[in-house]
Amino acid sequence: MASQIVASDNLIFTGVGASGLICDYASRRFAGIGINSFSFSDVTYPIASKLRNTAYTFMISLSISGETGEIIEVLNSLRANKDITIATITPNPSSTIAELSDIVLPYNVEERRVGLHFDLSSQLPAVFLIESLTEKVFQMTKEIDY
């Protein structure tokens, strides 16, 4: 994943709810080390038009369940674009979102929900993976010496 991030023109994070907040954090970390990165949790945002004239985009979706309908729609709409590689960070590697992805980075966490929409699952494993990935990319870009 790190080498693909370094090679990309755009790094996009997407998720909703608590995962969307982690996406904002991740995007800010990568932007801080010089990677063209942004996050969107508004799944109605016309992302395909924003990417129309770009060469290579690496997208990372975050989802505890891997079954978030809005994220599935976004990924489905981007699958046909061969200039986009999709990765997913999720504890559910057999989920729909994982199946729509080129790369899956799974982790273990107990899914805990209150009702349908309030997720009490820990985001610490996802944050750890994002921070580790940021550090790896930072080390790689230091070696390139732009």
N, C-alpha and C. Protein backbone atom coordinates (compact mmCIF):
# COMPACT_ATOMS: atom_id res chain seq x y z
N MET A 1 0.83 -1.19 0.00
CA MET A 1 0.00 0.00 0.00
C MET A 1 0.87 1.25 0.00
N ALA A 2 1.94 1.22 0.76
CA ALA A 2 2.78 2.41 0.88
C ALA A 2 3.37 2.82 -0.47
N SER A 3 3.85 1.85 -1.23
CA SER A 3 4.44 2.21 -2.52
C SER A 3 3.39 2.75 -3.49
N GLN A 4 2.18 2.25 -3.41
CA GLN A 4 1.12 2.77 -4.26
C GLN A 4 0.70 4.17 -3.85
N ILE A 5 0.74 4.46 -2.56
CA ILE A 5 0.43 5.81 -2.09
C ILE A 5 1.48 6.79 -2.62
N VAL A 6 2.74 6.40 -2.52
CA VAL A 6 3.82 7.27 -3.00
C VAL A 6 3.68 7.53 -4.50
N ALA A 7 3.26 6.53 -5.25
CA ALA A 7 3.13 6.67 -6.70
C ALA A 7 1.87 7.40 -7.14
N SER A 8 0.92 7.59 -6.24
CA SER A 8 -0.37 8.16 -6.63
C SER A 8 -0.33 9.68 -6.77
N ASP A 9 -1.24 10.18 -7.61
CA ASP A 9 -1.45 11.62 -7.73
C ASP A 9 -2.41 12.11 -6.65
N ASN A 10 -3.33 11.25 -6.27
CA ASN A 10 -4.33 11.57 -5.25
C ASN A 10 -4.45 10.40 -4.29
N LEU A 11 -4.58 10.73 -3.02
CA LEU A 11 -4.90 9.74 -2.00
C LEU A 11 -6.22 10.17 -1.38
N ILE A 12 -7.22 9.32 -1.49
CA ILE A 12 -8.55 9.66 -1.00
C ILE A 12 -8.95 8.66 0.07
N PHE A 13 -9.50 9.18 1.15
CA PHE A 13 -10.05 8.34 2.22
C PHE A 13 -11.56 8.54 2.24
N THR A 14 -12.29 7.45 2.43
CA THR A 14 -13.74 7.57 2.56
C THR A 14 -14.27 6.61 3.62
N GLY A 15 -15.24 7.10 4.34
CA GLY A 15 -15.90 6.33 5.39
C GLY A 15 -17.00 7.21 5.96
N VAL A 16 -17.90 6.62 6.70
CA VAL A 16 -18.97 7.38 7.34
C VAL A 16 -18.94 7.11 8.84
N GLY A 17 -19.55 8.00 9.59
CA GLY A 17 -19.60 7.85 11.04
C GLY A 17 -18.22 7.97 11.65
N ALA A 18 -17.92 7.13 12.63
CA ALA A 18 -16.61 7.17 13.27
C ALA A 18 -15.50 6.88 12.27
N SER A 19 -15.75 6.00 11.31
CA SER A 19 -14.75 5.72 10.27
C SER A 19 -14.47 6.97 9.45
N GLY A 20 -15.48 7.78 9.20
CA GLY A 20 -15.28 9.04 8.47
C GLY A 20 -14.38 9.99 9.24
N LEU A 21 -14.52 10.02 10.55
CA LEU A 21 -13.64 10.87 11.36
C LEU A 21 -12.20 10.38 11.31
N ILE A 22 -12.01 9.06 11.29
CA ILE A 22 -10.67 8.51 11.16
C ILE A 22 -10.11 8.85 9.77
N CYS A 23 -10.95 8.88 8.77
CA CYS A 23 -10.52 9.27 7.42
C CYS A 23 -10.00 10.71 7.42
N ASP A 24 -10.70 11.61 8.11
CA ASP A 24 -10.23 13.00 8.20
C ASP A 24 -8.86 13.06 8.85
N TYR A 25 -8.68 12.30 9.91
CA TYR A 25 -7.39 12.24 10.61
C TYR A 25 -6.30 11.70 9.68
N ALA A 26 -6.61 10.62 8.99
CA ALA A 26 -5.64 9.99 8.08
C ALA A 26 -5.23 10.94 6.97
N SER A 27 -6.20 11.60 6.38
CA SER A 27 -5.91 12.54 5.29
C SER A 27 -5.00 13.66 5.76
N ARG A 28 -5.27 14.17 6.93
CA ARG A 28 -4.44 15.25 7.49
C ARG A 28 -3.01 14.77 7.74
N ARG A 29 -2.84 13.55 8.24
CA ARG A 29 -1.50 13.01 8.47
C ARG A 29 -0.73 12.90 7.16
N PHE A 30 -1.37 12.36 6.14
CA PHE A 30 -0.68 12.21 4.86
C PHE A 30 -0.40 13.56 4.20
N ALA A 31 -1.32 14.48 4.30
CA ALA A 31 -1.07 15.82 3.76
C ALA A 31 0.12 16.46 4.47
N GLY A 32 0.27 16.19 5.75
CA GLY A 32 1.37 16.75 6.52
C GLY A 32 2.74 16.25 6.08
N ILE A 33 2.79 15.11 5.40
CA ILE A 33 4.07 14.61 4.90
C ILE A 33 4.21 14.81 3.39
N GLY A 34 3.34 15.66 2.84
CA GLY A 34 3.48 16.05 1.44
C GLY A 34 2.69 15.24 0.43
N ILE A 35 1.78 14.40 0.89
CA ILE A 35 0.96 13.60 -0.03
C ILE A 35 -0.33 14.36 -0.33
N ASN A 36 -0.70 14.45 -1.61
CA ASN A 36 -1.95 15.10 -2.00
C ASN A 36 -3.11 14.21 -1.55
N SER A 37 -3.69 14.56 -0.43
CA SER A 37 -4.66 13.70 0.22
C SER A 37 -5.90 14.47 0.62
N PHE A 38 -7.05 13.83 0.49
CA PHE A 38 -8.27 14.41 1.04
C PHE A 38 -9.22 13.31 1.47
N SER A 39 -10.16 13.70 2.29
CA SER A 39 -11.13 12.78 2.85
C SER A 39 -12.53 13.25 2.49
N PHE A 40 -13.41 12.31 2.23
CA PHE A 40 -14.81 12.72 2.09
C PHE A 40 -15.72 11.69 2.75
N SER A 41 -16.63 12.21 3.55
CA SER A 41 -17.62 11.36 4.18
C SER A 41 -19.01 11.70 3.66
N ASP A 42 -19.10 12.76 2.86
CA ASP A 42 -20.36 13.09 2.20
C ASP A 42 -20.42 12.26 0.92
N VAL A 43 -21.08 11.13 1.02
CA VAL A 43 -21.09 10.18 -0.09
C VAL A 43 -21.90 10.67 -1.29
N THR A 44 -22.56 11.82 -1.16
CA THR A 44 -23.25 12.39 -2.32
C THR A 44 -22.33 13.33 -3.10
N TYR A 45 -21.11 13.54 -2.59
CA TYR A 45 -20.13 14.39 -3.27
C TYR A 45 -19.80 13.78 -4.64
N PRO A 46 -19.77 14.58 -5.69
CA PRO A 46 -19.50 14.03 -7.03
C PRO A 46 -18.01 13.73 -7.23
N ILE A 47 -17.53 12.70 -6.58
CA ILE A 47 -16.11 12.38 -6.57
C ILE A 47 -15.59 12.02 -7.96
N ALA A 48 -16.40 11.36 -8.77
CA ALA A 48 -15.94 10.97 -10.11
C ALA A 48 -15.57 12.19 -10.95
N SER A 49 -16.32 13.27 -10.83
CA SER A 49 -15.99 14.47 -11.62
C SER A 49 -14.72 15.13 -11.10
N LYS A 50 -14.45 15.04 -9.82
CA LYS A 50 -13.22 15.61 -9.27
C LYS A 50 -11.99 14.87 -9.79
N LEU A 51 -12.15 13.59 -10.07
CA LEU A 51 -11.03 12.76 -10.51
C LEU A 51 -10.93 12.64 -12.02
N ARG A 52 -11.77 13.34 -12.75
CA ARG A 52 -11.86 13.18 -14.20
C ARG A 52 -10.51 13.36 -14.92
N ASN A 53 -9.72 14.35 -14.58
CA ASN A 53 -8.48 14.64 -15.29
C ASN A 53 -7.23 14.29 -14.50
N THR A 54 -7.31 13.27 -13.69
CA THR A 54 -6.15 12.86 -12.91
C THR A 54 -5.63 11.53 -13.44
N ALA A 55 -4.36 11.26 -13.17
CA ALA A 55 -3.73 10.06 -13.74
C ALA A 55 -3.88 8.83 -12.85
N TYR A 56 -3.57 8.94 -11.57
CA TYR A 56 -3.61 7.75 -10.73
C TYR A 56 -4.07 8.13 -9.33
N THR A 57 -5.15 7.51 -8.90
CA THR A 57 -5.72 7.76 -7.59
C THR A 57 -5.72 6.48 -6.78
N PHE A 58 -5.33 6.61 -5.52
CA PHE A 58 -5.38 5.50 -4.58
C PHE A 58 -6.42 5.86 -3.54
N MET A 59 -7.45 5.04 -3.43
CA MET A 59 -8.54 5.31 -2.49
C MET A 59 -8.52 4.27 -1.38
N ILE A 60 -8.67 4.76 -0.16
CA ILE A 60 -8.75 3.86 1.00
C ILE A 60 -10.09 4.08 1.69
N SER A 61 -10.88 3.01 1.77
CA SER A 61 -12.14 3.09 2.51
C SER A 61 -11.94 2.44 3.87
N LEU A 62 -12.59 3.02 4.85
CA LEU A 62 -12.56 2.47 6.21
C LEU A 62 -13.98 2.11 6.60
N SER A 63 -14.15 0.92 7.13
CA SER A 63 -15.47 0.48 7.55
C SER A 63 -15.35 -0.66 8.54
N ILE A 64 -16.03 -0.54 9.66
CA ILE A 64 -16.05 -1.63 10.64
C ILE A 64 -16.83 -2.82 10.06
N SER A 65 -18.02 -2.58 9.58
CA SER A 65 -18.85 -3.69 9.09
C SER A 65 -18.44 -4.15 7.69
N GLY A 66 -17.95 -3.22 6.89
CA GLY A 66 -17.66 -3.54 5.49
C GLY A 66 -18.91 -3.64 4.65
N GLU A 67 -20.03 -3.25 5.23
CA GLU A 67 -21.32 -3.36 4.55
C GLU A 67 -22.08 -2.03 4.49
N THR A 68 -21.39 -0.92 4.67
CA THR A 68 -22.04 0.38 4.64
C THR A 68 -22.52 0.68 3.23
N GLY A 69 -23.84 0.76 3.07
CA GLY A 69 -24.44 0.91 1.74
C GLY A 69 -23.91 2.08 0.95
N GLU A 70 -23.73 3.22 1.62
CA GLU A 70 -23.27 4.43 0.92
C GLU A 70 -21.84 4.25 0.39
N ILE A 71 -21.00 3.61 1.15
CA ILE A 71 -19.62 3.37 0.70
C ILE A 71 -19.60 2.34 -0.43
N ILE A 72 -20.45 1.34 -0.34
CA ILE A 72 -20.57 0.36 -1.42
C ILE A 72 -20.95 1.07 -2.72
N GLU A 73 -21.89 2.00 -2.65
CA GLU A 73 -22.30 2.75 -3.85
C GLU A 73 -21.14 3.55 -4.43
N VAL A 74 -20.38 4.23 -3.57
CA VAL A 74 -19.23 5.02 -4.03
C VAL A 74 -18.22 4.11 -4.72
N LEU A 75 -17.86 3.00 -4.09
CA LEU A 75 -16.87 2.09 -4.67
C LEU A 75 -17.36 1.49 -5.98
N ASN A 76 -18.64 1.12 -6.03
CA ASN A 76 -19.21 0.60 -7.28
C ASN A 76 -19.11 1.63 -8.40
N SER A 77 -19.33 2.89 -8.07
CA SER A 77 -19.29 3.93 -9.11
C SER A 77 -17.88 4.18 -9.62
N LEU A 78 -16.87 3.83 -8.84
CA LEU A 78 -15.47 4.08 -9.23
C LEU A 78 -14.76 2.84 -9.78
N ARG A 79 -15.33 1.66 -9.63
CA ARG A 79 -14.68 0.42 -10.06
C ARG A 79 -14.28 0.43 -11.53
N ALA A 80 -15.08 1.03 -12.37
CA ALA A 80 -14.81 1.01 -13.81
C ALA A 80 -13.61 1.87 -14.20
N ASN A 81 -13.22 2.81 -13.35
CA ASN A 81 -12.11 3.70 -13.64
C ASN A 81 -10.80 2.96 -13.36
N LYS A 82 -10.05 2.65 -14.41
CA LYS A 82 -8.82 1.87 -14.28
C LYS A 82 -7.68 2.68 -13.66
N ASP A 83 -7.86 3.99 -13.51
CA ASP A 83 -6.84 4.84 -12.88
C ASP A 83 -7.02 4.95 -11.37
N ILE A 84 -7.96 4.17 -10.84
CA ILE A 84 -8.22 4.19 -9.40
C ILE A 84 -7.98 2.80 -8.83
N THR A 85 -7.14 2.75 -7.81
CA THR A 85 -6.94 1.52 -7.05
C THR A 85 -7.64 1.71 -5.72
N ILE A 86 -8.42 0.72 -5.33
CA ILE A 86 -9.19 0.81 -4.10
C ILE A 86 -8.64 -0.16 -3.06
N ALA A 87 -8.41 0.38 -1.88
CA ALA A 87 -7.99 -0.43 -0.74
C ALA A 87 -9.01 -0.24 0.38
N THR A 88 -9.10 -1.21 1.24
CA THR A 88 -10.02 -1.14 2.36
C THR A 88 -9.32 -1.57 3.64
N ILE A 89 -9.58 -0.83 4.69
CA ILE A 89 -9.12 -1.19 6.03
C ILE A 89 -10.38 -1.55 6.81
N THR A 90 -10.50 -2.83 7.16
CA THR A 90 -11.73 -3.33 7.79
C THR A 90 -11.44 -4.59 8.59
N PRO A 91 -12.20 -4.83 9.65
CA PRO A 91 -12.07 -6.11 10.34
C PRO A 91 -12.86 -7.23 9.66
N ASN A 92 -13.54 -6.92 8.56
CA ASN A 92 -14.38 -7.90 7.89
C ASN A 92 -13.87 -8.14 6.46
N PRO A 93 -12.83 -8.98 6.29
CA PRO A 93 -12.21 -9.16 4.97
C PRO A 93 -13.08 -9.89 3.94
N SER A 94 -14.21 -10.43 4.36
CA SER A 94 -15.11 -11.07 3.40
C SER A 94 -16.34 -10.22 3.12
N SER A 95 -16.29 -8.95 3.50
CA SER A 95 -17.42 -8.04 3.31
C SER A 95 -17.55 -7.58 1.87
N THR A 96 -18.66 -6.95 1.55
CA THR A 96 -18.89 -6.41 0.22
C THR A 96 -17.85 -5.36 -0.13
N ILE A 97 -17.53 -4.48 0.81
CA ILE A 97 -16.53 -3.44 0.55
C ILE A 97 -15.17 -4.07 0.27
N ALA A 98 -14.81 -5.09 1.01
CA ALA A 98 -13.54 -5.79 0.76
C ALA A 98 -13.54 -6.43 -0.62
N GLU A 99 -14.66 -7.01 -1.01
CA GLU A 99 -14.75 -7.64 -2.33
C GLU A 99 -14.62 -6.63 -3.46
N LEU A 100 -15.03 -5.40 -3.22
CA LEU A 100 -14.92 -4.34 -4.24
C LEU A 100 -13.53 -3.73 -4.28
N SER A 101 -12.65 -4.16 -3.39
CA SER A 101 -11.33 -3.55 -3.26
C SER A 101 -10.25 -4.39 -3.92
N ASP A 102 -9.20 -3.71 -4.35
CA ASP A 102 -8.03 -4.38 -4.91
C ASP A 102 -7.12 -4.89 -3.80
N ILE A 103 -7.11 -4.18 -2.67
CA ILE A 103 -6.25 -4.51 -1.54
C ILE A 103 -7.10 -4.44 -0.27
N VAL A 104 -6.96 -5.41 0.60
CA VAL A 104 -7.68 -5.40 1.88
C VAL A 104 -6.65 -5.51 3.00
N LEU A 105 -6.73 -4.58 3.94
CA LEU A 105 -5.88 -4.61 5.13
C LEU A 105 -6.80 -4.90 6.31
N PRO A 106 -6.90 -6.18 6.70
CA PRO A 106 -7.83 -6.54 7.77
C PRO A 106 -7.18 -6.42 9.15
N TYR A 107 -8.02 -6.32 10.14
CA TYR A 107 -7.57 -6.32 11.53
C TYR A 107 -8.66 -6.95 12.38
N ASN A 108 -8.32 -7.27 13.62
CA ASN A 108 -9.29 -7.90 14.51
C ASN A 108 -9.81 -6.89 15.52
N VAL A 109 -11.11 -6.83 15.64
CA VAL A 109 -11.76 -6.02 16.66
C VAL A 109 -13.18 -6.57 16.85
N GLU A 110 -13.65 -6.49 18.06
CA GLU A 110 -15.02 -6.91 18.33
C GLU A 110 -15.96 -5.81 17.88
N GLU A 111 -16.91 -6.17 17.00
CA GLU A 111 -17.91 -5.18 16.57
C GLU A 111 -18.95 -5.03 17.67
N ARG A 112 -19.11 -3.78 18.13
CA ARG A 112 -20.06 -3.50 19.21
C ARG A 112 -20.98 -2.37 18.76
N ARG A 113 -22.26 -2.64 18.73
CA ARG A 113 -23.24 -1.64 18.29
C ARG A 113 -24.33 -1.46 19.34
N VAL A 114 -24.82 -0.22 19.41
CA VAL A 114 -25.99 0.10 20.21
C VAL A 114 -27.05 0.51 19.20
N GLY A 115 -28.06 -0.31 19.06
CA GLY A 115 -29.06 -0.05 18.04
C GLY A 115 -28.44 -0.30 16.66
N LEU A 116 -29.00 0.33 15.65
CA LEU A 116 -28.54 0.12 14.28
C LEU A 116 -27.34 0.98 13.91
N HIS A 117 -27.32 2.22 14.39
CA HIS A 117 -26.33 3.17 13.88
C HIS A 117 -25.23 3.60 14.83
N PHE A 118 -25.34 3.31 16.11
CA PHE A 118 -24.30 3.78 17.03
C PHE A 118 -23.27 2.68 17.23
N ASP A 119 -22.06 2.93 16.75
CA ASP A 119 -21.00 1.95 16.76
C ASP A 119 -20.03 2.22 17.90
N LEU A 120 -19.91 1.28 18.82
CA LEU A 120 -18.97 1.39 19.93
C LEU A 120 -17.69 0.59 19.68
N SER A 121 -17.51 0.07 18.46
CA SER A 121 -16.31 -0.70 18.14
C SER A 121 -15.09 0.20 18.24
N SER A 122 -14.00 -0.36 18.72
CA SER A 122 -12.76 0.40 18.85
C SER A 122 -12.21 0.77 17.48
N GLN A 123 -11.78 2.01 17.35
CA GLN A 123 -11.12 2.47 16.12
C GLN A 123 -9.59 2.45 16.28
N LEU A 124 -9.12 2.03 17.45
CA LEU A 124 -7.67 2.03 17.68
C LEU A 124 -6.88 1.18 16.68
N PRO A 125 -7.36 -0.01 16.30
CA PRO A 125 -6.60 -0.77 15.31
C PRO A 125 -6.49 -0.03 13.97
N ALA A 126 -7.56 0.62 13.53
CA ALA A 126 -7.52 1.37 12.27
C ALA A 126 -6.57 2.56 12.38
N VAL A 127 -6.60 3.25 13.51
CA VAL A 127 -5.69 4.37 13.73
C VAL A 127 -4.24 3.88 13.73
N PHE A 128 -3.98 2.75 14.39
CA PHE A 128 -2.63 2.18 14.39
C PHE A 128 -2.16 1.89 12.97
N LEU A 129 -3.02 1.26 12.16
CA LEU A 129 -2.64 0.94 10.79
C LEU A 129 -2.38 2.21 9.97
N ILE A 130 -3.22 3.22 10.15
CA ILE A 130 -3.03 4.50 9.44
C ILE A 130 -1.71 5.14 9.86
N GLU A 131 -1.44 5.16 11.13
CA GLU A 131 -0.20 5.78 11.60
C GLU A 131 1.02 4.99 11.12
N SER A 132 0.95 3.68 11.13
CA SER A 132 2.05 2.86 10.64
C SER A 132 2.27 3.09 9.14
N LEU A 133 1.19 3.16 8.40
CA LEU A 133 1.27 3.41 6.96
C LEU A 133 1.84 4.79 6.67
N THR A 134 1.42 5.78 7.44
CA THR A 134 1.95 7.13 7.27
C THR A 134 3.45 7.14 7.51
N GLU A 135 3.89 6.47 8.54
CA GLU A 135 5.32 6.43 8.85
C GLU A 135 6.10 5.75 7.73
N LYS A 136 5.57 4.65 7.21
CA LYS A 136 6.23 3.94 6.10
C LYS A 136 6.34 4.84 4.88
N VAL A 137 5.27 5.53 4.53
CA VAL A 137 5.28 6.43 3.38
C VAL A 137 6.25 7.58 3.61
N PHE A 138 6.27 8.12 4.83
CA PHE A 138 7.20 9.20 5.16
C PHE A 138 8.65 8.75 4.96
N GLN A 139 8.98 7.55 5.43
CA GLN A 139 10.33 7.03 5.26
C GLN A 139 10.67 6.84 3.78
N MET A 140 9.71 6.37 3.01
CA MET A 140 9.93 6.16 1.57
C MET A 140 10.14 7.49 0.85
N THR A 141 9.36 8.51 1.20
CA THR A 141 9.48 9.78 0.49
C THR A 141 10.75 10.52 0.90
N LYS A 142 11.24 10.29 2.10
CA LYS A 142 12.52 10.86 2.51
C LYS A 142 13.65 10.28 1.67
N GLU A 143 13.54 8.99 1.34
CA GLU A 143 14.56 8.34 0.53
C GLU A 143 14.53 8.82 -0.91
N ILE A 144 13.35 9.18 -1.42
CA ILE A 144 13.23 9.65 -2.80
C ILE A 144 13.86 11.03 -2.94
N ASP A 145 13.74 11.85 -1.89
CA ASP A 145 14.33 13.20 -1.87
C ASP A 145 13.84 14.05 -3.03
N TYR A 146 12.58 14.37 -3.03
CA TYR A 146 12.00 15.23 -4.06
C TYR A 146 12.78 16.51 -4.08
